[in-house]
Amino acid sequence: MSELDKLSIPENSKTQIRILVNEVIDMSREGMVREQFYECKDNHILRLKKEIKEIRQEKNEFKTCLTLLKQQL
């Protein structure tokens, strides 16, 4: 027997309370899923930013090498 069943309130009120509690639990789960999604998205964005930085660095190194080659010609 749950704590809710022990209360002396009408059964339809207990049913409404159960429905509301389940909705709150569902919203909480959705919030957790949403947080995990944003965390995952943020991690992905950080990883992409790091890759972009590395690509830019490689591009600059390539330009430097190309400039040195042109000077030698």
PDB file of N, CA and C in Angstrom:
ATOM      1  N   MET A   1       0.844  -1.173   0.000  1.00  0.00           N
ATOM      2  CA  MET A   1       0.000   0.000   0.000  1.00  0.00           C
ATOM      3  C   MET A   1       0.899   1.249   0.000  1.00  0.00           C
ATOM      4  N   SER A   2       0.640   2.147  -0.930  1.00  0.00           N
ATOM      5  CA  SER A   2       1.454   3.357  -1.025  1.00  0.00           C
ATOM      6  C   SER A   2       0.966   4.406  -0.032  1.00  0.00           C
ATOM      7  N   GLU A   3       1.784   5.419   0.156  1.00  0.00           N
ATOM      8  CA  GLU A   3       1.405   6.521   1.049  1.00  0.00           C
ATOM      9  C   GLU A   3       0.131   7.197   0.545  1.00  0.00           C
ATOM     10  N   LEU A   4      -0.002   7.255  -0.764  1.00  0.00           N
ATOM     11  CA  LEU A   4      -1.180   7.880  -1.359  1.00  0.00           C
ATOM     12  C   LEU A   4      -2.447   7.106  -1.002  1.00  0.00           C
ATOM     13  N   ASP A   5      -2.351   5.788  -1.010  1.00  0.00           N
ATOM     14  CA  ASP A   5      -3.515   4.960  -0.680  1.00  0.00           C
ATOM     15  C   ASP A   5      -3.955   5.149   0.774  1.00  0.00           C
ATOM     16  N   LYS A   6      -3.025   5.512   1.636  1.00  0.00           N
ATOM     17  CA  LYS A   6      -3.340   5.687   3.052  1.00  0.00           C
ATOM     18  C   LYS A   6      -4.123   6.969   3.321  1.00  0.00           C
ATOM     19  N   LEU A   7      -4.045   7.927   2.395  1.00  0.00           N
ATOM     20  CA  LEU A   7      -4.750   9.200   2.597  1.00  0.00           C
ATOM     21  C   LEU A   7      -6.249   9.011   2.462  1.00  0.00           C
ATOM     22  N   SER A   8      -6.974   9.748   3.260  1.00  0.00           N
ATOM     23  CA  SER A   8      -8.434   9.655   3.158  1.00  0.00           C
ATOM     24  C   SER A   8      -8.944  10.783   2.256  1.00  0.00           C
ATOM     25  N   ILE A   9      -8.716  10.577   0.973  1.00  0.00           N
ATOM     26  CA  ILE A   9      -9.229  11.491  -0.053  1.00  0.00           C
ATOM     27  C   ILE A   9      -9.921  10.633  -1.105  1.00  0.00           C
ATOM     28  N   PRO A  10     -10.793  11.229  -1.899  1.00  0.00           N
ATOM     29  CA  PRO A  10     -11.521  10.443  -2.902  1.00  0.00           C
ATOM     30  C   PRO A  10     -10.565   9.756  -3.893  1.00  0.00           C
ATOM     31  N   GLU A  11     -11.006   8.612  -4.372  1.00  0.00           N
ATOM     32  CA  GLU A  11     -10.179   7.812  -5.280  1.00  0.00           C
ATOM     33  C   GLU A  11      -9.840   8.579  -6.560  1.00  0.00           C
ATOM     34  N   ASN A  12     -10.803   9.363  -7.066  1.00  0.00           N
ATOM     35  CA  ASN A  12     -10.507  10.112  -8.293  1.00  0.00           C
ATOM     36  C   ASN A  12      -9.411  11.158  -8.054  1.00  0.00           C
ATOM     37  N   SER A  13      -9.319  11.702  -6.850  1.00  0.00           N
ATOM     38  CA  SER A  13      -8.237  12.635  -6.513  1.00  0.00           C
ATOM     39  C   SER A  13      -6.899  11.907  -6.484  1.00  0.00           C
ATOM     40  N   LYS A  14      -6.910  10.696  -5.940  1.00  0.00           N
ATOM     41  CA  LYS A  14      -5.683   9.895  -5.913  1.00  0.00           C
ATOM     42  C   LYS A  14      -5.218   9.599  -7.338  1.00  0.00           C
ATOM     43  N   THR A  15      -6.175   9.294  -8.200  1.00  0.00           N
ATOM     44  CA  THR A  15      -5.842   9.016  -9.598  1.00  0.00           C
ATOM     45  C   THR A  15      -5.239  10.257 -10.248  1.00  0.00           C
ATOM     46  N   GLN A  16      -5.826  11.418  -9.997  1.00  0.00           N
ATOM     47  CA  GLN A  16      -5.293  12.660 -10.559  1.00  0.00           C
ATOM     48  C   GLN A  16      -3.883  12.936 -10.044  1.00  0.00           C
ATOM     49  N   ILE A  17      -3.663  12.667  -8.772  1.00  0.00           N
ATOM     50  CA  ILE A  17      -2.330  12.861  -8.188  1.00  0.00           C
ATOM     51  C   ILE A  17      -1.330  11.924  -8.862  1.00  0.00           C
ATOM     52  N   ARG A  18      -1.713  10.656  -9.060  1.00  0.00           N
ATOM     53  CA  ARG A  18      -0.818   9.696  -9.719  1.00  0.00           C
ATOM     54  C   ARG A  18      -0.466  10.159 -11.134  1.00  0.00           C
ATOM     55  N   ILE A  19      -1.474  10.658 -11.850  1.00  0.00           N
ATOM     56  CA  ILE A  19      -1.249  11.140 -13.215  1.00  0.00           C
ATOM     57  C   ILE A  19      -0.266  12.313 -13.202  1.00  0.00           C
ATOM     58  N   LEU A  20      -0.482  13.253 -12.279  1.00  0.00           N
ATOM     59  CA  LEU A  20       0.411  14.411 -12.187  1.00  0.00           C
ATOM     60  C   LEU A  20       1.833  13.996 -11.824  1.00  0.00           C
ATOM     61  N   VAL A  21       1.953  13.075 -10.878  1.00  0.00           N
ATOM     62  CA  VAL A  21       3.277  12.593 -10.478  1.00  0.00           C
ATOM     63  C   VAL A  21       3.976  11.945 -11.670  1.00  0.00           C
ATOM     64  N   ASN A  22       3.254  11.118 -12.419  1.00  0.00           N
ATOM     65  CA  ASN A  22       3.850  10.481 -13.595  1.00  0.00           C
ATOM     66  C   ASN A  22       4.260  11.511 -14.640  1.00  0.00           C
ATOM     67  N   GLU A  23       3.454  12.562 -14.808  1.00  0.00           N
ATOM     68  CA  GLU A  23       3.811  13.623 -15.754  1.00  0.00           C
ATOM     69  C   GLU A  23       5.083  14.340 -15.313  1.00  0.00           C
ATOM     70  N   VAL A  24       5.199  14.599 -14.016  1.00  0.00           N
ATOM     71  CA  VAL A  24       6.406  15.250 -13.494  1.00  0.00           C
ATOM     72  C   VAL A  24       7.620  14.356 -13.716  1.00  0.00           C
ATOM     73  N   ILE A  25       7.463  13.066 -13.462  1.00  0.00           N
ATOM     74  CA  ILE A  25       8.563  12.122 -13.687  1.00  0.00           C
ATOM     75  C   ILE A  25       8.957  12.122 -15.158  1.00  0.00           C
ATOM     76  N   ASP A  26       7.969  12.089 -16.051  1.00  0.00           N
ATOM     77  CA  ASP A  26       8.254  12.114 -17.487  1.00  0.00           C
ATOM     78  C   ASP A  26       8.972  13.398 -17.885  1.00  0.00           C
ATOM     79  N   MET A  27       8.505  14.535 -17.360  1.00  0.00           N
ATOM     80  CA  MET A  27       9.152  15.811 -17.691  1.00  0.00           C
ATOM     81  C   MET A  27      10.589  15.823 -17.180  1.00  0.00           C
ATOM     82  N   SER A  28      10.797  15.243 -16.010  1.00  0.00           N
ATOM     83  CA  SER A  28      12.145  15.169 -15.453  1.00  0.00           C
ATOM     84  C   SER A  28      13.042  14.340 -16.355  1.00  0.00           C
ATOM     85  N   ARG A  29      12.527  13.205 -16.823  1.00  0.00           N
ATOM     86  CA  ARG A  29      13.306  12.355 -17.734  1.00  0.00           C
ATOM     87  C   ARG A  29      13.612  13.090 -19.026  1.00  0.00           C
ATOM     88  N   GLU A  30      12.606  13.799 -19.569  1.00  0.00           N
ATOM     89  CA  GLU A  30      12.814  14.568 -20.791  1.00  0.00           C
ATOM     90  C   GLU A  30      13.887  15.626 -20.567  1.00  0.00           C
ATOM     91  N   GLY A  31      13.858  16.254 -19.399  1.00  0.00           N
ATOM     92  CA  GLY A  31      14.870  17.260 -19.073  1.00  0.00           C
ATOM     93  C   GLY A  31      16.253  16.660 -19.030  1.00  0.00           C
ATOM     94  N   MET A  32      16.369  15.463 -18.447  1.00  0.00           N
ATOM     95  CA  MET A  32      17.663  14.795 -18.388  1.00  0.00           C
ATOM     96  C   MET A  32      18.143  14.438 -19.784  1.00  0.00           C
ATOM     97  N   VAL A  33      17.225  13.942 -20.606  1.00  0.00           N
ATOM     98  CA  VAL A  33      17.586  13.599 -21.980  1.00  0.00           C
ATOM     99  C   VAL A  33      18.022  14.857 -22.720  1.00  0.00           C
ATOM    100  N   ARG A  34      17.288  15.943 -22.508  1.00  0.00           N
ATOM    101  CA  ARG A  34      17.628  17.211 -23.159  1.00  0.00           C
ATOM    102  C   ARG A  34      19.014  17.673 -22.716  1.00  0.00           C
ATOM    103  N   GLU A  35      19.299  17.586 -21.418  1.00  0.00           N
ATOM    104  CA  GLU A  35      20.618  17.974 -20.905  1.00  0.00           C
ATOM    105  C   GLU A  35      21.710  17.128 -21.536  1.00  0.00           C
ATOM    106  N   GLN A  36      21.471  15.813 -21.624  1.00  0.00           N
ATOM    107  CA  GLN A  36      22.458  14.931 -22.238  1.00  0.00           C
ATOM    108  C   GLN A  36      22.668  15.292 -23.699  1.00  0.00           C
ATOM    109  N   PHE A  37      21.572  15.646 -24.400  1.00  0.00           N
ATOM    110  CA  PHE A  37      21.679  16.037 -25.802  1.00  0.00           C
ATOM    111  C   PHE A  37      22.546  17.284 -25.934  1.00  0.00           C
ATOM    112  N   TYR A  38      22.265  18.304 -25.102  1.00  0.00           N
ATOM    113  CA  TYR A  38      23.032  19.543 -25.190  1.00  0.00           C
ATOM    114  C   TYR A  38      24.489  19.313 -24.817  1.00  0.00           C
ATOM    115  N   GLU A  39      24.727  18.477 -23.815  1.00  0.00           N
ATOM    116  CA  GLU A  39      26.099  18.169 -23.428  1.00  0.00           C
ATOM    117  C   GLU A  39      26.826  17.486 -24.580  1.00  0.00           C
ATOM    118  N   CYS A  40      26.168  16.539 -25.214  1.00  0.00           N
ATOM    119  CA  CYS A  40      26.748  15.829 -26.352  1.00  0.00           C
ATOM    120  C   CYS A  40      27.001  16.804 -27.496  1.00  0.00           C
ATOM    121  N   LYS A  41      26.017  17.685 -27.754  1.00  0.00           N
ATOM    122  CA  LYS A  41      26.147  18.673 -28.829  1.00  0.00           C
ATOM    123  C   LYS A  41      27.319  19.608 -28.533  1.00  0.00           C
ATOM    124  N   ASP A  42      27.430  20.072 -27.289  1.00  0.00           N
ATOM    125  CA  ASP A  42      28.528  20.962 -26.911  1.00  0.00           C
ATOM    126  C   ASP A  42      29.876  20.275 -27.092  1.00  0.00           C
ATOM    127  N   ASN A  43      29.960  19.008 -26.695  1.00  0.00           N
ATOM    128  CA  ASN A  43      31.206  18.261 -26.871  1.00  0.00           C
ATOM    129  C   ASN A  43      31.551  18.127 -28.343  1.00  0.00           C
ATOM    130  N   HIS A  44      30.545  17.888 -29.168  1.00  0.00           N
ATOM    131  CA  HIS A  44      30.765  17.755 -30.609  1.00  0.00           C
ATOM    132  C   HIS A  44      31.253  19.089 -31.185  1.00  0.00           C
ATOM    133  N   ILE A  45      30.644  20.187 -30.757  1.00  0.00           N
ATOM    134  CA  ILE A  45      31.061  21.513 -31.229  1.00  0.00           C
ATOM    135  C   ILE A  45      32.504  21.791 -30.820  1.00  0.00           C
ATOM    136  N   LEU A  46      32.860  21.474 -29.588  1.00  0.00           N
ATOM    137  CA  LEU A  46      34.236  21.686 -29.132  1.00  0.00           C
ATOM    138  C   LEU A  46      35.221  20.861 -29.954  1.00  0.00           C
ATOM    139  N   ARG A  47      34.838  19.626 -30.255  1.00  0.00           N
ATOM    140  CA  ARG A  47      35.700  18.759 -31.057  1.00  0.00           C
ATOM    141  C   ARG A  47      35.875  19.338 -32.465  1.00  0.00           C
ATOM    142  N   LEU A  48      34.779  19.837 -33.050  1.00  0.00           N
ATOM    143  CA  LEU A  48      34.854  20.438 -34.383  1.00  0.00           C
ATOM    144  C   LEU A  48      35.712  21.702 -34.371  1.00  0.00           C
ATOM    145  N   LYS A  49      35.577  22.520 -33.341  1.00  0.00           N
ATOM    146  CA  LYS A  49      36.397  23.729 -33.236  1.00  0.00           C
ATOM    147  C   LYS A  49      37.876  23.369 -33.162  1.00  0.00           C
ATOM    148  N   LYS A  50      38.186  22.323 -32.424  1.00  0.00           N
ATOM    149  CA  LYS A  50      39.575  21.875 -32.309  1.00  0.00           C
ATOM    150  C   LYS A  50      40.086  21.408 -33.672  1.00  0.00           C
ATOM    151  N   GLU A  51      39.264  20.650 -34.405  1.00  0.00           N
ATOM    152  CA  GLU A  51      39.661  20.186 -35.729  1.00  0.00           C
ATOM    153  C   GLU A  51      39.863  21.357 -36.679  1.00  0.00           C
ATOM    154  N   ILE A  52      38.990  22.353 -36.613  1.00  0.00           N
ATOM    155  CA  ILE A  52      39.126  23.544 -37.467  1.00  0.00           C
ATOM    156  C   ILE A  52      40.438  24.260 -37.155  1.00  0.00           C
ATOM    157  N   LYS A  53      40.750  24.387 -35.875  1.00  0.00           N
ATOM    158  CA  LYS A  53      41.996  25.041 -35.470  1.00  0.00           C
ATOM    159  C   LYS A  53      43.199  24.279 -36.025  1.00  0.00           C
ATOM    160  N   GLU A  54      43.161  22.946 -35.938  1.00  0.00           N
ATOM    161  CA  GLU A  54      44.260  22.131 -36.458  1.00  0.00           C
ATOM    162  C   GLU A  54      44.383  22.277 -37.972  1.00  0.00           C
ATOM    163  N   ILE A  55      43.257  22.310 -38.669  1.00  0.00           N
ATOM    164  CA  ILE A  55      43.276  22.464 -40.129  1.00  0.00           C
ATOM    165  C   ILE A  55      43.850  23.826 -40.506  1.00  0.00           C
ATOM    166  N   ARG A  56      43.462  24.862 -39.791  1.00  0.00           N
ATOM    167  CA  ARG A  56      44.006  26.203 -40.066  1.00  0.00           C
ATOM    168  C   ARG A  56      45.510  26.241 -39.838  1.00  0.00           C
ATOM    169  N   GLN A  57      45.949  25.571 -38.784  1.00  0.00           N
ATOM    170  CA  GLN A  57      47.378  25.524 -38.492  1.00  0.00           C
ATOM    171  C   GLN A  57      48.113  24.793 -39.617  1.00  0.00           C
ATOM    172  N   GLU A  58      47.560  23.669 -40.076  1.00  0.00           N
ATOM    173  CA  GLU A  58      48.170  22.932 -41.187  1.00  0.00           C
ATOM    174  C   GLU A  58      48.197  23.789 -42.451  1.00  0.00           C
ATOM    175  N   LYS A  59      47.121  24.550 -42.686  1.00  0.00           N
ATOM    176  CA  LYS A  59      47.052  25.423 -43.859  1.00  0.00           C
ATOM    177  C   LYS A  59      48.151  26.482 -43.785  1.00  0.00           C
ATOM    178  N   ASN A  60      48.340  27.066 -42.608  1.00  0.00           N
ATOM    179  CA  ASN A  60      49.385  28.077 -42.435  1.00  0.00           C
ATOM    180  C   ASN A  60      50.773  27.476 -42.634  1.00  0.00           C
ATOM    181  N   GLU A  61      50.974  26.267 -42.135  1.00  0.00           N
ATOM    182  CA  GLU A  61      52.259  25.588 -42.327  1.00  0.00           C
ATOM    183  C   GLU A  61      52.494  25.308 -43.806  1.00  0.00           C
ATOM    184  N   PHE A  62      51.450  24.914 -44.507  1.00  0.00           N
ATOM    185  CA  PHE A  62      51.557  24.648 -45.935  1.00  0.00           C
ATOM    186  C   PHE A  62      51.904  25.938 -46.684  1.00  0.00           C
ATOM    187  N   LYS A  63      51.252  27.039 -46.319  1.00  0.00           N
ATOM    188  CA  LYS A  63      51.543  28.329 -46.958  1.00  0.00           C
ATOM    189  C   LYS A  63      52.996  28.728 -46.732  1.00  0.00           C
ATOM    190  N   THR A  64      53.478  28.507 -45.524  1.00  0.00           N
ATOM    191  CA  THR A  64      54.866  28.829 -45.202  1.00  0.00           C
ATOM    192  C   THR A  64      55.810  27.999 -46.063  1.00  0.00           C
ATOM    193  N   CYS A  65      55.539  26.716 -46.169  1.00  0.00           N
ATOM    194  CA  CYS A  65      56.368  25.836 -47.002  1.00  0.00           C
ATOM    195  C   CYS A  65      56.320  26.281 -48.459  1.00  0.00           C
ATOM    196  N   LEU A  66      55.161  26.631 -48.938  1.00  0.00           N
ATOM    197  CA  LEU A  66      54.991  27.073 -50.317  1.00  0.00           C
ATOM    198  C   LEU A  66      55.774  28.364 -50.567  1.00  0.00           C
ATOM    199  N   THR A  67      55.723  29.274 -49.619  1.00  0.00           N
ATOM    200  CA  THR A  67      56.473  30.528 -49.734  1.00  0.00           C
ATOM    201  C   THR A  67      57.970  30.248 -49.791  1.00  0.00           C
ATOM    202  N   LEU A  68      58.443  29.355 -48.937  1.00  0.00           N
ATOM    203  CA  LEU A  68      59.866  28.997 -48.936  1.00  0.00           C
ATOM    204  C   LEU A  68      60.272  28.358 -50.260  1.00  0.00           C
ATOM    205  N   LEU A  69      59.419  27.516 -50.807  1.00  0.00           N
ATOM    206  CA  LEU A  69      59.710  26.881 -52.093  1.00  0.00           C
ATOM    207  C   LEU A  69      59.781  27.921 -53.210  1.00  0.00           C
ATOM    208  N   LYS A  70      58.857  28.869 -53.190  1.00  0.00           N
ATOM    209  CA  LYS A  70      58.844  29.924 -54.209  1.00  0.00           C
ATOM    210  C   LYS A  70      60.121  30.756 -54.136  1.00  0.00           C
ATOM    211  N   GLN A  71      60.594  31.009 -52.923  1.00  0.00           N
ATOM    212  CA  GLN A  71      61.813  31.807 -52.739  1.00  0.00           C
ATOM    213  C   GLN A  71      63.029  31.082 -53.304  1.00  0.00           C
ATOM    214  N   GLN A  72      63.014  29.768 -53.235  1.00  0.00           N
ATOM    215  CA  GLN A  72      64.154  28.988 -53.721  1.00  0.00           C
ATOM    216  C   GLN A  72      64.164  28.881 -55.236  1.00  0.00           C
ATOM    217  N   LEU A  73      63.041  29.112 -55.882  1.00  0.00           N
ATOM    218  CA  LEU A  73      62.962  29.011 -57.338  1.00  0.00           C
ATOM    219  C   LEU A  73      63.437  30.233 -58.026  1.00  0.00           C
TER     220      LEU A  73
END
